[in-house]
C-alpha atoms as a PDB file:
ATOM      1  CA  UNK A   1      -5.811 -16.822  66.029  1.00  0.00           C
ATOM      2  CA  UNK A   2      -7.777 -16.184  63.040  1.00  0.00           C
ATOM      3  CA  UNK A   3      -9.990 -18.663  61.777  1.00  0.00           C
ATOM      4  CA  UNK A   4     -10.057 -19.829  57.809  1.00  0.00           C
ATOM      5  CA  UNK A   5     -12.892 -18.995  55.575  1.00  0.00           C
ATOM      6  CA  UNK A   6     -12.869 -19.718  52.262  1.00  0.00           C
ATOM      7  CA  UNK A   7     -14.738 -17.049  50.058  1.00  0.00           C
ATOM      8  CA  UNK A   8     -14.537 -18.730  46.867  1.00  0.00           C
ATOM      9  CA  UNK A   9     -18.318 -19.783  45.406  1.00  0.00           C
ATOM     10  CA  UNK A  10     -19.623 -23.090  45.792  1.00  0.00           C
ATOM     11  CA  UNK A  11     -19.184 -24.153  41.848  1.00  0.00           C
ATOM     12  CA  UNK A  12     -15.475 -22.139  41.473  1.00  0.00           C
ATOM     13  CA  UNK A  13     -13.927 -25.559  40.764  1.00  0.00           C
ATOM     14  CA  UNK A  14     -16.537 -25.714  37.568  1.00  0.00           C
ATOM     15  CA  UNK A  15     -15.953 -24.799  34.067  1.00  0.00           C
ATOM     16  CA  UNK A  16     -17.542 -21.996  32.770  1.00  0.00           C
ATOM     17  CA  UNK A  17     -20.149 -22.475  29.809  1.00  0.00           C
ATOM     18  CA  UNK A  18     -18.367 -22.008  26.286  1.00  0.00           C
ATOM     19  CA  UNK A  19     -20.316 -20.319  23.363  1.00  0.00           C
ATOM     20  CA  UNK A  20     -19.360 -19.825  20.145  1.00  0.00           C
ATOM     21  CA  UNK A  21     -19.041 -16.151  21.094  1.00  0.00           C
ATOM     22  CA  UNK A  22     -16.898 -16.900  24.102  1.00  0.00           C
ATOM     23  CA  UNK A  23     -14.317 -18.540  21.486  1.00  0.00           C
ATOM     24  CA  UNK A  24     -14.466 -15.672  19.592  1.00  0.00           C
ATOM     25  CA  UNK A  25     -13.910 -12.657  21.709  1.00  0.00           C
ATOM     26  CA  UNK A  26     -10.851 -12.802  22.965  1.00  0.00           C
ATOM     27  CA  UNK A  27      -9.444 -12.727  18.788  1.00  0.00           C
ATOM     28  CA  UNK A  28     -11.837 -10.255  18.108  1.00  0.00           C
ATOM     29  CA  UNK A  29     -10.056  -7.888  21.326  1.00  0.00           C
ATOM     30  CA  UNK A  30      -6.160  -9.432  20.066  1.00  0.00           C
ATOM     31  CA  UNK A  31      -7.456  -7.929  15.983  1.00  0.00           C
ATOM     32  CA  UNK A  32      -8.132  -4.576  17.897  1.00  0.00           C
ATOM     33  CA  UNK A  33      -5.124  -4.197  19.888  1.00  0.00           C
ATOM     34  CA  UNK A  34      -3.335  -5.079  16.779  1.00  0.00           C
ATOM     35  CA  UNK A  35      -4.645  -2.282  15.349  1.00  0.00           C
ATOM     36  CA  UNK A  36      -3.755   0.061  18.524  1.00  0.00           C
ATOM     37  CA  UNK A  37      -0.334  -1.409  18.123  1.00  0.00           C
ATOM     38  CA  UNK A  38      -0.462  -0.508  13.500  1.00  0.00           C
ATOM     39  CA  UNK A  39      -1.774   3.236  14.291  1.00  0.00           C
ATOM     40  CA  UNK A  40       0.509   3.717  17.233  1.00  0.00           C
ATOM     41  CA  UNK A  41       3.817   2.528  14.712  1.00  0.00           C
ATOM     42  CA  UNK A  42       1.694   5.385  11.909  1.00  0.00           C
ATOM     43  CA  UNK A  43       1.973   7.509  14.288  1.00  0.00           C
ATOM     44  CA  UNK A  44       5.363   7.382  16.063  1.00  0.00           C
ATOM     45  CA  UNK A  45       6.625   7.863  12.078  1.00  0.00           C
ATOM     46  CA  UNK A  46       4.530  11.057  11.374  1.00  0.00           C
ATOM     47  CA  UNK A  47       3.853  10.824   7.954  1.00  0.00           C
ATOM     48  CA  UNK A  48       7.453  11.137   7.213  1.00  0.00           C
ATOM     49  CA  UNK A  49       9.196  10.585   4.153  1.00  0.00           C
ATOM     50  CA  UNK A  50      10.648   7.714   4.687  1.00  0.00           C
ATOM     51  CA  UNK A  51      10.758   4.998   3.050  1.00  0.00           C
ATOM     52  CA  UNK A  52       9.783   2.371   5.556  1.00  0.00           C
ATOM     53  CA  UNK A  53       6.029   4.699   6.056  1.00  0.00           C
ATOM     54  CA  UNK A  54       4.425   2.731   2.765  1.00  0.00           C
ATOM     55  CA  UNK A  55       4.900  -0.076   4.999  1.00  0.00           C
ATOM     56  CA  UNK A  56       3.598   1.094   8.630  1.00  0.00           C
ATOM     57  CA  UNK A  57       0.571   2.701   6.357  1.00  0.00           C
ATOM     58  CA  UNK A  58       0.091  -0.928   4.895  1.00  0.00           C
ATOM     59  CA  UNK A  59       0.274  -3.163   8.517  1.00  0.00           C
ATOM     60  CA  UNK A  60      -2.225  -0.213  10.223  1.00  0.00           C
ATOM     61  CA  UNK A  61      -4.805  -0.600   6.603  1.00  0.00           C
ATOM     62  CA  UNK A  62      -4.397  -4.295   7.288  1.00  0.00           C
ATOM     63  CA  UNK A  63      -5.067  -4.029  10.629  1.00  0.00           C
ATOM     64  CA  UNK A  64      -7.836  -1.839  10.774  1.00  0.00           C
ATOM     65  CA  UNK A  65      -9.668  -4.830   8.067  1.00  0.00           C
ATOM     66  CA  UNK A  66      -8.956  -7.601  10.421  1.00  0.00           C
ATOM     67  CA  UNK A  67     -10.789  -6.149  13.196  1.00  0.00           C
ATOM     68  CA  UNK A  68     -12.870  -4.700  10.623  1.00  0.00           C
ATOM     69  CA  UNK A  69     -13.841  -8.493   9.468  1.00  0.00           C
ATOM     70  CA  UNK A  70     -13.201  -9.519  13.079  1.00  0.00           C
ATOM     71  CA  UNK A  71     -16.314  -7.118  14.209  1.00  0.00           C
ATOM     72  CA  UNK A  72     -18.340  -8.647  11.143  1.00  0.00           C
ATOM     73  CA  UNK A  73     -17.709 -12.582  11.733  1.00  0.00           C
ATOM     74  CA  UNK A  74     -18.436 -11.860  15.863  1.00  0.00           C
ATOM     75  CA  UNK A  75     -21.541 -10.307  14.764  1.00  0.00           C
ATOM     76  CA  UNK A  76     -22.821 -12.449  13.002  1.00  0.00           C
ATOM     77  CA  UNK A  77     -22.676 -15.418  15.813  1.00  0.00           C
ATOM     78  CA  UNK A  78     -25.687 -16.320  17.410  1.00  0.00           C
ATOM     79  CA  UNK A  79     -25.967 -15.574  21.178  1.00  0.00           C
ATOM     80  CA  UNK A  80     -26.968 -18.942  23.183  1.00  0.00           C
ATOM     81  CA  UNK A  81     -26.970 -17.824  26.550  1.00  0.00           C
ATOM     82  CA  UNK A  82     -27.737 -14.822  28.158  1.00  0.00           C
ATOM     83  CA  UNK A  83     -24.254 -13.781  29.660  1.00  0.00           C
ATOM     84  CA  UNK A  84     -23.043 -13.356  26.367  1.00  0.00           C
ATOM     85  CA  UNK A  85     -25.460 -10.140  26.302  1.00  0.00           C
ATOM     86  CA  UNK A  86     -22.450  -7.959  27.392  1.00  0.00           C
ATOM     87  CA  UNK A  87     -20.190 -10.057  24.747  1.00  0.00           C
ATOM     88  CA  UNK A  88     -22.806  -8.825  21.952  1.00  0.00           C
ATOM     89  CA  UNK A  89     -22.935  -5.317  23.567  1.00  0.00           C
ATOM     90  CA  UNK A  90     -19.165  -4.486  23.179  1.00  0.00           C
ATOM     91  CA  UNK A  91     -18.404  -5.454  20.396  1.00  0.00           C
ATOM     92  CA  UNK A  92     -21.763  -3.394  19.128  1.00  0.00           C
ATOM     93  CA  UNK A  93     -20.088  -0.914  20.764  1.00  0.00           C
ATOM     94  CA  UNK A  94     -16.787  -0.938  18.670  1.00  0.00           C
ATOM     95  CA  UNK A  95     -18.280  -1.006  15.438  1.00  0.00           C
ATOM     96  CA  UNK A  96     -20.251   2.010  16.219  1.00  0.00           C
ATOM     97  CA  UNK A  97     -16.823   3.775  17.631  1.00  0.00           C
ATOM     98  CA  UNK A  98     -15.342   2.975  14.277  1.00  0.00           C
ATOM     99  CA  UNK A  99     -17.923   3.717  12.078  1.00  0.00           C
ATOM    100  CA  UNK A 100     -18.696   6.930  14.015  1.00  0.00           C
ATOM    101  CA  UNK A 101     -17.904   9.963  11.297  1.00  0.00           C
ATOM    102  CA  UNK A 102     -19.732  13.103  13.777  1.00  0.00           C
ATOM    103  CA  UNK A 103     -17.112  15.478  15.183  1.00  0.00           C
ATOM    104  CA  UNK A 104     -16.627  13.857  19.298  1.00  0.00           C
ATOM    105  CA  UNK A 105     -18.971  10.706  18.469  1.00  0.00           C
ATOM    106  CA  UNK A 106     -16.706   7.863  19.249  1.00  0.00           C
ATOM    107  CA  UNK A 107     -15.857   9.913  22.588  1.00  0.00           C
ATOM    108  CA  UNK A 108     -19.099  10.392  23.347  1.00  0.00           C
ATOM    109  CA  UNK A 109     -19.378   6.627  23.136  1.00  0.00           C
ATOM    110  CA  UNK A 110     -16.717   5.328  25.397  1.00  0.00           C
ATOM    111  CA  UNK A 111     -18.340   8.229  27.706  1.00  0.00           C
ATOM    112  CA  UNK A 112     -21.411   6.412  27.923  1.00  0.00           C
ATOM    113  CA  UNK A 113     -19.669   3.288  27.984  1.00  0.00           C
ATOM    114  CA  UNK A 114     -17.291   4.160  30.729  1.00  0.00           C
ATOM    115  CA  UNK A 115     -20.594   5.048  33.253  1.00  0.00           C
ATOM    116  CA  UNK A 116     -23.322   2.201  31.790  1.00  0.00           C
ATOM    117  CA  UNK A 117     -19.832  -0.814  32.352  1.00  0.00           C
ATOM    118  CA  UNK A 118     -21.158  -2.023  35.538  1.00  0.00           C
ATOM    119  CA  UNK A 119     -24.909  -1.986  34.515  1.00  0.00           C
ATOM    120  CA  UNK A 120     -25.141  -2.886  30.547  1.00  0.00           C
ATOM    121  CA  UNK A 121     -21.552  -4.326  30.409  1.00  0.00           C
ATOM    122  CA  UNK A 122     -20.953  -6.757  33.007  1.00  0.00           C
ATOM    123  CA  UNK A 123     -22.882  -9.972  34.680  1.00  0.00           C
ATOM    124  CA  UNK A 124     -23.979  -9.719  37.843  1.00  0.00           C
ATOM    125  CA  UNK A 125     -22.845 -13.148  39.617  1.00  0.00           C
ATOM    126  CA  UNK A 126     -20.172 -15.076  40.498  1.00  0.00           C
ATOM    127  CA  UNK A 127     -20.150 -18.338  39.146  1.00  0.00           C
ATOM    128  CA  UNK A 128     -17.488 -19.150  36.351  1.00  0.00           C
ATOM    129  CA  UNK A 129     -19.069 -18.447  33.665  1.00  0.00           C
ATOM    130  CA  UNK A 130     -19.913 -14.763  34.844  1.00  0.00           C
ATOM    131  CA  UNK A 131     -16.058 -14.512  36.168  1.00  0.00           C
ATOM    132  CA  UNK A 132     -15.111 -15.722  32.862  1.00  0.00           C
ATOM    133  CA  UNK A 133     -16.902 -12.742  30.882  1.00  0.00           C
ATOM    134  CA  UNK A 134     -16.319 -10.072  33.409  1.00  0.00           C
ATOM    135  CA  UNK A 135     -12.532 -11.128  32.824  1.00  0.00           C
ATOM    136  CA  UNK A 136     -13.369 -10.554  29.300  1.00  0.00           C
ATOM    137  CA  UNK A 137     -14.764  -7.299  29.298  1.00  0.00           C
ATOM    138  CA  UNK A 138     -12.773  -5.854  31.404  1.00  0.00           C
ATOM    139  CA  UNK A 139      -9.465  -6.651  29.502  1.00  0.00           C
ATOM    140  CA  UNK A 140     -11.775  -5.018  26.362  1.00  0.00           C
ATOM    141  CA  UNK A 141     -12.692  -2.385  28.203  1.00  0.00           C
ATOM    142  CA  UNK A 142      -9.063  -1.403  28.502  1.00  0.00           C
ATOM    143  CA  UNK A 143      -8.348  -2.039  24.487  1.00  0.00           C
ATOM    144  CA  UNK A 144     -11.456   0.089  23.826  1.00  0.00           C
ATOM    145  CA  UNK A 145      -9.555   2.759  25.900  1.00  0.00           C
ATOM    146  CA  UNK A 146      -6.969   2.582  24.055  1.00  0.00           C
ATOM    147  CA  UNK A 147      -8.966   2.464  20.668  1.00  0.00           C
ATOM    148  CA  UNK A 148     -10.649   5.996  21.726  1.00  0.00           C
ATOM    149  CA  UNK A 149      -7.016   7.481  22.362  1.00  0.00           C
ATOM    150  CA  UNK A 150      -5.814   7.143  19.006  1.00  0.00           C
ATOM    151  CA  UNK A 151      -5.177  10.426  17.247  1.00  0.00           C
ATOM    152  CA  UNK A 152      -7.643   8.680  14.416  1.00  0.00           C
ATOM    153  CA  UNK A 153     -10.734   9.122  16.618  1.00  0.00           C
ATOM    154  CA  UNK A 154      -9.135  13.480  16.669  1.00  0.00           C
ATOM    155  CA  UNK A 155     -11.114  14.550  14.201  1.00  0.00           C
ATOM    156  CA  UNK A 156     -11.264  18.268  15.026  1.00  0.00           C
ATOM    157  CA  UNK A 157     -11.267  20.250  12.160  1.00  0.00           C
ATOM    158  CA  UNK A 158      -7.905  21.863  11.028  1.00  0.00           C
ATOM    159  CA  UNK A 159      -8.803  25.040   9.837  1.00  0.00           C
ATOM    160  CA  UNK A 160     -12.677  27.190  10.679  1.00  0.00           C
ATOM    161  CA  UNK A 161     -13.471  28.638   7.890  1.00  0.00           C
ATOM    162  CA  UNK A 162     -15.403  31.942   9.030  1.00  0.00           C
ATOM    163  CA  UNK A 163     -17.062  32.412   6.011  1.00  0.00           C
ATOM    164  CA  UNK A 164     -19.381  30.426   4.274  1.00  0.00           C
ATOM    165  CA  UNK A 165     -19.496  29.126   0.690  1.00  0.00           C
ATOM    166  CA  UNK A 166     -22.274  31.735  -1.133  1.00  0.00           C
ATOM    167  CA  UNK A 167     -23.389  29.208  -3.354  1.00  0.00           C
ATOM    168  CA  UNK A 168     -23.831  26.456  -0.186  1.00  0.00           C
ATOM    169  CA  UNK A 169     -27.667  25.528  -0.397  1.00  0.00           C
ATOM    170  CA  UNK A 170     -28.986  23.432   2.925  1.00  0.00           C
ATOM    171  CA  UNK A 171     -30.510  20.237   2.325  1.00  0.00           C
ATOM    172  CA  UNK A 172     -34.528  20.642   3.615  1.00  0.00           C
ATOM    173  CA  UNK A 173     -35.139  18.001   5.898  1.00  0.00           C
ATOM    174  CA  UNK A 174     -36.286  14.484   4.790  1.00  0.00           C
END
């Protein structure tokens, strides 16, 4: 007969430590998810001549604006406890991904997050605060993966020009 041994931590029944960052993070994740859904809807109509395309475009622009406002508001919050550091790292990564203009830069940032996820984007331990933050961070990881999969970040040039402009003069490095 097997013995019953609980494997929960000693303080599992306690409430996690709530901070302004832990309250704002789910709102930010929902804003990112709304942006992903709006961009997918926009992709589905494929820049058609449908009069409803303007509505989808407006929804995508509003979702992008809400996401950038949520990112800005989150980054303005104080970091009160060490357990909030991975939340801030995740938000800084999302902000860098949305602002990245180099070709393939967003996917490079995503890959670096995937390689360092358990080291920099998770909290060690099994206390209630760590479990709460880790659950939010795992959900954010899935949303970031969906964000990177958007065609918005497939910014490969359509036409590669083999003949450079004869009047183009490269700038000297500063």
